[in-house]
Amino acid sequence: MEVKKALKAVLFDLDETLLKLPIQYDELRRRLREHASRFNLNYDFHHILDDVEKASQILGEKFRKECYEIIEQYECQAAQKPIAEKDMKTTLEKLKKAGLKIGIISRNSRKAVALALQKTGTLKLIDIIIGREDTPKTKPHPDPIIKALEKLGIKPSEAIYVGDHPYDQAAATAANTTFIAIGNKIKSNKTPHIKHINEITKLTINTQRQNH
C-alpha cells in the first residue's frame, strides 16, 4: 500500500475508528420519535442525522436545534466512557513525534468529540477537531475535510483520511484526499485497508523517513 510522499497530516474519523462511543441509540431514537410526534410527524430516525435534516425541512430550524440538543446529550453521556481502540494513544503519539498534524473529522458534536479525547488522554495530541456543527454539511460531503485542511494550511494531496464508513470514503474522495479504510464496513478491494489503528504509523512514518 502506498501513501503520499509529501505527507503532512493524518485526519481520522472518531467513532468506530479511534474509539467507540457507547451511545444508547435505541433510547435516543425513542426520544427523537417522541419529540417529532409532538408535531404530528412520524419518523423512525433509523438514520439519525439524515432523518433530523429531513424532518427539519418540514418543521424548521427550531426543531432541528432541539433535536441536536437531544443528540448531544446522549453523545456526551457516551463520551464520558469511551472505549479506546488498542494502541490509540501510542499511535497518535508516534504520528505527532514524526511531525505530522492530526485532525478529527466527526459527525458527532465537537463537544462530545473533545470530551471523549480528553477521557482517553489524547486531546492534547489533536491539532484540529471538526464536529458536525462546524460546517453546513457534514460527511459524506467533503466540506469538513476541506475546512480542516484549510485551517491547517495543508493541501488535500498532503493528507490522508482514515475512517470506517462509506460516508468517510465519499468525503475523502470528494476532497481529493487519500482514504484508508479500517474495519469491515467498506468492502471494496480497491480501497486501502488496515485492520488495526497502529498500522497507520508504519505507513505514514516510513513515508516521512523516505522523504527526509
Protein backbone atom coordinates (compact mmCIF):
# COMPACT_ATOMS: atom_id res chain seq x y z
CA MET A 1 0.00 0.00 0.00
CA GLU A 2 1.47 3.37 -0.99
CA VAL A 3 0.84 6.58 0.87
CA LYS A 4 1.53 10.08 -0.39
CA LYS A 5 5.20 11.05 -0.33
CA ALA A 6 4.78 14.64 0.90
CA LEU A 7 2.57 13.69 3.84
CA LYS A 8 1.89 16.42 6.40
CA ALA A 9 -1.35 15.42 8.12
CA VAL A 10 -3.39 12.41 9.13
CA LEU A 11 -7.11 13.00 9.65
CA PHE A 12 -9.31 10.49 11.45
CA ASP A 13 -12.95 9.72 11.91
CA LEU A 14 -13.63 9.21 15.63
CA ASP A 15 -16.35 6.68 16.49
CA GLU A 16 -15.52 3.13 15.35
CA THR A 17 -12.12 4.34 14.09
CA LEU A 18 -10.09 5.58 17.06
CA LEU A 19 -12.56 4.61 19.76
CA LYS A 20 -16.13 3.52 20.37
CA LEU A 21 -18.79 5.75 21.86
CA PRO A 22 -21.33 3.58 23.73
CA ILE A 23 -24.29 5.70 22.65
CA GLN A 24 -27.71 4.38 23.69
CA TYR A 25 -29.08 4.54 20.16
CA ASP A 26 -32.43 2.83 20.83
CA GLU A 27 -33.21 5.24 23.64
CA LEU A 28 -32.01 8.20 21.56
CA ARG A 29 -34.24 7.22 18.64
CA ARG A 30 -37.19 6.87 21.01
CA ARG A 31 -36.59 10.39 22.37
CA LEU A 32 -36.40 11.82 18.86
CA ARG A 33 -39.58 10.00 17.80
CA GLU A 34 -41.38 11.36 20.85
CA HIS A 35 -40.20 14.87 20.05
CA ALA A 36 -41.30 14.62 16.40
CA SER A 37 -44.67 13.16 17.39
CA ARG A 38 -45.48 16.39 19.24
CA PHE A 39 -45.60 17.98 15.79
CA ASN A 40 -47.60 15.08 14.30
CA LEU A 41 -44.55 13.92 12.37
CA ASN A 42 -43.77 10.23 12.07
CA TYR A 43 -40.08 9.40 11.56
CA ASP A 44 -38.29 6.27 12.77
CA PHE A 45 -34.89 8.08 12.95
CA HIS A 46 -33.10 4.94 11.82
CA HIS A 47 -30.54 7.19 10.11
CA ILE A 48 -30.45 9.70 12.93
CA LEU A 49 -28.70 12.75 11.46
CA ASP A 50 -30.12 12.30 7.97
CA ASP A 51 -33.65 11.94 9.33
CA VAL A 52 -33.25 15.00 11.55
CA GLU A 53 -32.28 17.02 8.48
CA LYS A 54 -35.27 15.70 6.51
CA ALA A 55 -37.68 16.40 9.36
CA SER A 56 -36.22 19.87 9.82
CA GLN A 57 -37.08 20.74 6.23
CA ILE A 58 -40.71 20.33 7.31
CA LEU A 59 -40.60 21.66 10.87
CA GLY A 60 -37.88 24.29 10.65
CA GLU A 61 -34.67 25.35 12.35
CA LYS A 62 -36.04 25.41 15.91
CA PHE A 63 -36.96 21.73 15.66
CA ARG A 64 -33.53 20.96 14.20
CA LYS A 65 -31.76 22.71 17.07
CA GLU A 66 -33.89 20.88 19.65
CA CYS A 67 -33.10 17.51 18.05
CA TYR A 68 -29.38 18.20 18.04
CA GLU A 69 -29.53 19.20 21.70
CA ILE A 70 -31.10 15.80 22.47
CA ILE A 71 -28.49 14.01 20.36
CA GLU A 72 -25.62 15.87 22.02
CA GLN A 73 -26.88 14.84 25.46
CA TYR A 74 -26.58 11.18 24.51
CA GLU A 75 -23.24 11.69 22.77
CA CYS A 76 -21.72 13.47 25.76
CA GLN A 77 -23.07 10.81 28.10
CA ALA A 78 -21.30 8.17 25.99
CA ALA A 79 -18.17 10.33 25.69
CA GLN A 80 -17.74 10.07 29.46
CA LYS A 81 -16.92 6.37 28.97
CA PRO A 82 -15.25 5.98 25.55
CA ILE A 83 -13.76 2.62 24.64
CA ALA A 84 -10.39 3.38 23.06
CA GLU A 85 -9.02 1.14 20.34
CA LYS A 86 -5.89 -0.73 21.37
CA ASP A 87 -2.80 1.43 20.77
CA MET A 88 -4.90 4.54 20.05
CA LYS A 89 -2.82 6.82 22.28
CA THR A 90 0.58 5.42 21.32
CA THR A 91 -0.37 5.62 17.63
CA LEU A 92 -1.28 9.30 17.91
CA GLU A 93 1.88 9.98 19.93
CA LYS A 94 4.04 8.38 17.24
CA LEU A 95 2.36 10.42 14.49
CA LYS A 96 2.86 13.60 16.50
CA LYS A 97 6.50 12.77 17.18
CA ALA A 98 7.01 12.26 13.45
CA GLY A 99 5.93 15.88 12.88
CA LEU A 100 2.51 15.13 11.41
CA LYS A 101 -0.59 17.21 12.09
CA ILE A 102 -3.53 15.23 13.47
CA GLY A 103 -7.18 16.08 12.93
CA ILE A 104 -10.54 14.58 13.87
CA ILE A 105 -13.47 14.82 11.44
CA SER A 106 -16.70 13.61 13.04
CA ARG A 107 -20.46 13.59 12.58
CA ASN A 108 -20.65 13.81 16.37
CA SER A 109 -20.73 17.18 18.11
CA ARG A 110 -17.42 18.91 18.73
CA LYS A 111 -18.16 18.96 22.47
CA ALA A 112 -18.62 15.17 22.57
CA VAL A 113 -15.51 14.58 20.47
CA ALA A 114 -13.36 16.77 22.73
CA LEU A 115 -14.74 15.09 25.84
CA ALA A 116 -14.03 11.58 24.50
CA LEU A 117 -10.49 12.59 23.56
CA GLN A 118 -9.96 14.17 26.97
CA LYS A 119 -11.12 10.98 28.68
CA THR A 120 -8.64 8.91 26.64
CA GLY A 121 -5.80 11.33 27.39
CA THR A 122 -5.33 12.25 23.73
CA LEU A 123 -6.92 15.69 23.38
CA LYS A 124 -3.55 17.45 23.64
CA LEU A 125 -2.30 15.47 20.62
CA ILE A 126 -5.01 16.77 18.29
CA ASP A 127 -4.40 19.86 16.15
CA ILE A 128 -7.97 20.33 14.94
CA ILE A 129 -11.46 18.98 15.57
CA ILE A 130 -14.27 19.43 13.06
CA GLY A 131 -17.62 18.39 14.50
CA ARG A 132 -20.96 18.29 12.73
CA GLU A 133 -21.81 21.88 13.71
CA ASP A 134 -18.64 23.29 12.15
CA THR A 135 -19.78 23.07 8.52
CA PRO A 136 -23.19 23.50 6.86
CA LYS A 137 -22.92 19.94 5.52
CA THR A 138 -21.22 17.02 7.21
CA LYS A 139 -19.88 13.74 5.83
CA PRO A 140 -20.41 12.31 3.19
CA HIS A 141 -19.91 15.88 1.91
CA PRO A 142 -16.25 16.92 1.67
CA ASP A 143 -16.76 20.24 3.49
CA PRO A 144 -15.46 19.10 6.93
CA ILE A 145 -12.25 17.67 5.48
CA ILE A 146 -11.73 20.72 3.29
CA LYS A 147 -12.25 23.05 6.28
CA ALA A 148 -9.78 21.10 8.43
CA LEU A 149 -7.12 21.20 5.72
CA GLU A 150 -7.65 24.92 5.13
CA LYS A 151 -7.26 25.66 8.84
CA LEU A 152 -4.12 23.52 8.99
CA GLY A 153 -2.73 25.16 5.85
CA ILE A 154 -2.31 21.79 4.18
CA LYS A 155 -3.19 20.70 0.64
CA PRO A 156 -5.50 17.70 0.08
CA SER A 157 -2.58 15.92 -1.59
CA GLU A 158 -0.56 16.26 1.63
CA ALA A 159 -3.07 14.44 3.86
CA ILE A 160 -4.73 11.09 4.34
CA TYR A 161 -8.08 10.37 5.96
CA VAL A 162 -8.77 7.22 7.97
CA GLY A 163 -12.32 6.04 8.60
CA ASP A 164 -14.62 3.06 8.87
CA HIS A 165 -17.75 4.13 6.99
CA PRO A 166 -18.68 4.64 3.32
CA TYR A 167 -19.52 8.25 4.28
CA ASP A 168 -15.86 8.69 5.28
CA GLN A 169 -14.71 7.32 1.95
CA ALA A 170 -17.11 9.53 -0.01
CA ALA A 171 -15.99 12.65 1.86
CA ALA A 172 -12.29 11.92 1.38
CA THR A 173 -12.72 11.13 -2.30
CA ALA A 174 -14.68 14.33 -2.91
CA ALA A 175 -12.00 16.31 -1.04
CA ASN A 176 -9.26 14.74 -3.23
CA THR A 177 -7.61 13.22 -0.17
CA THR A 178 -6.28 9.66 0.03
CA PHE A 179 -8.62 7.43 2.04
CA ILE A 180 -7.63 4.44 4.16
CA ALA A 181 -10.39 2.20 5.50
CA ILE A 182 -10.42 0.49 8.87
CA GLY A 183 -12.83 -2.25 9.90
CA ASN A 184 -15.16 -4.24 7.66
CA LYS A 185 -17.91 -1.83 6.59
CA ILE A 186 -16.11 -0.94 3.35
CA LYS A 187 -15.82 -3.99 1.11
CA SER A 188 -14.06 -2.65 -1.99
CA ASN A 189 -10.82 -4.45 -2.82
CA LYS A 190 -9.58 -1.25 -4.47
CA THR A 191 -9.68 0.67 -1.18
CA PRO A 192 -6.54 0.53 1.01
CA HIS A 193 -7.41 -1.20 4.30
CA ILE A 194 -5.83 -1.52 7.72
CA LYS A 195 -7.02 -3.94 10.38
CA HIS A 196 -5.72 -2.09 13.42
CA ILE A 197 -5.13 1.60 14.04
CA ASN A 198 -1.44 1.13 14.85
CA GLU A 199 -0.80 0.04 11.25
CA ILE A 200 -1.18 3.65 10.17
CA THR A 201 2.15 4.54 11.78
CA LYS A 202 4.04 2.06 9.62
CA LEU A 203 2.63 3.70 6.51
CA THR A 204 2.94 7.33 7.49
CA ILE A 205 6.18 7.38 9.47
CA ASN A 206 8.03 5.24 6.93
CA THR A 207 6.85 7.68 4.27
CA GLN A 208 8.15 10.58 6.35
CA ARG A 209 11.57 8.96 6.71
CA GLN A 210 11.82 8.29 3.00
CA ASN A 211 11.01 11.92 2.39
CA HIS A 212 13.84 13.36 4.52
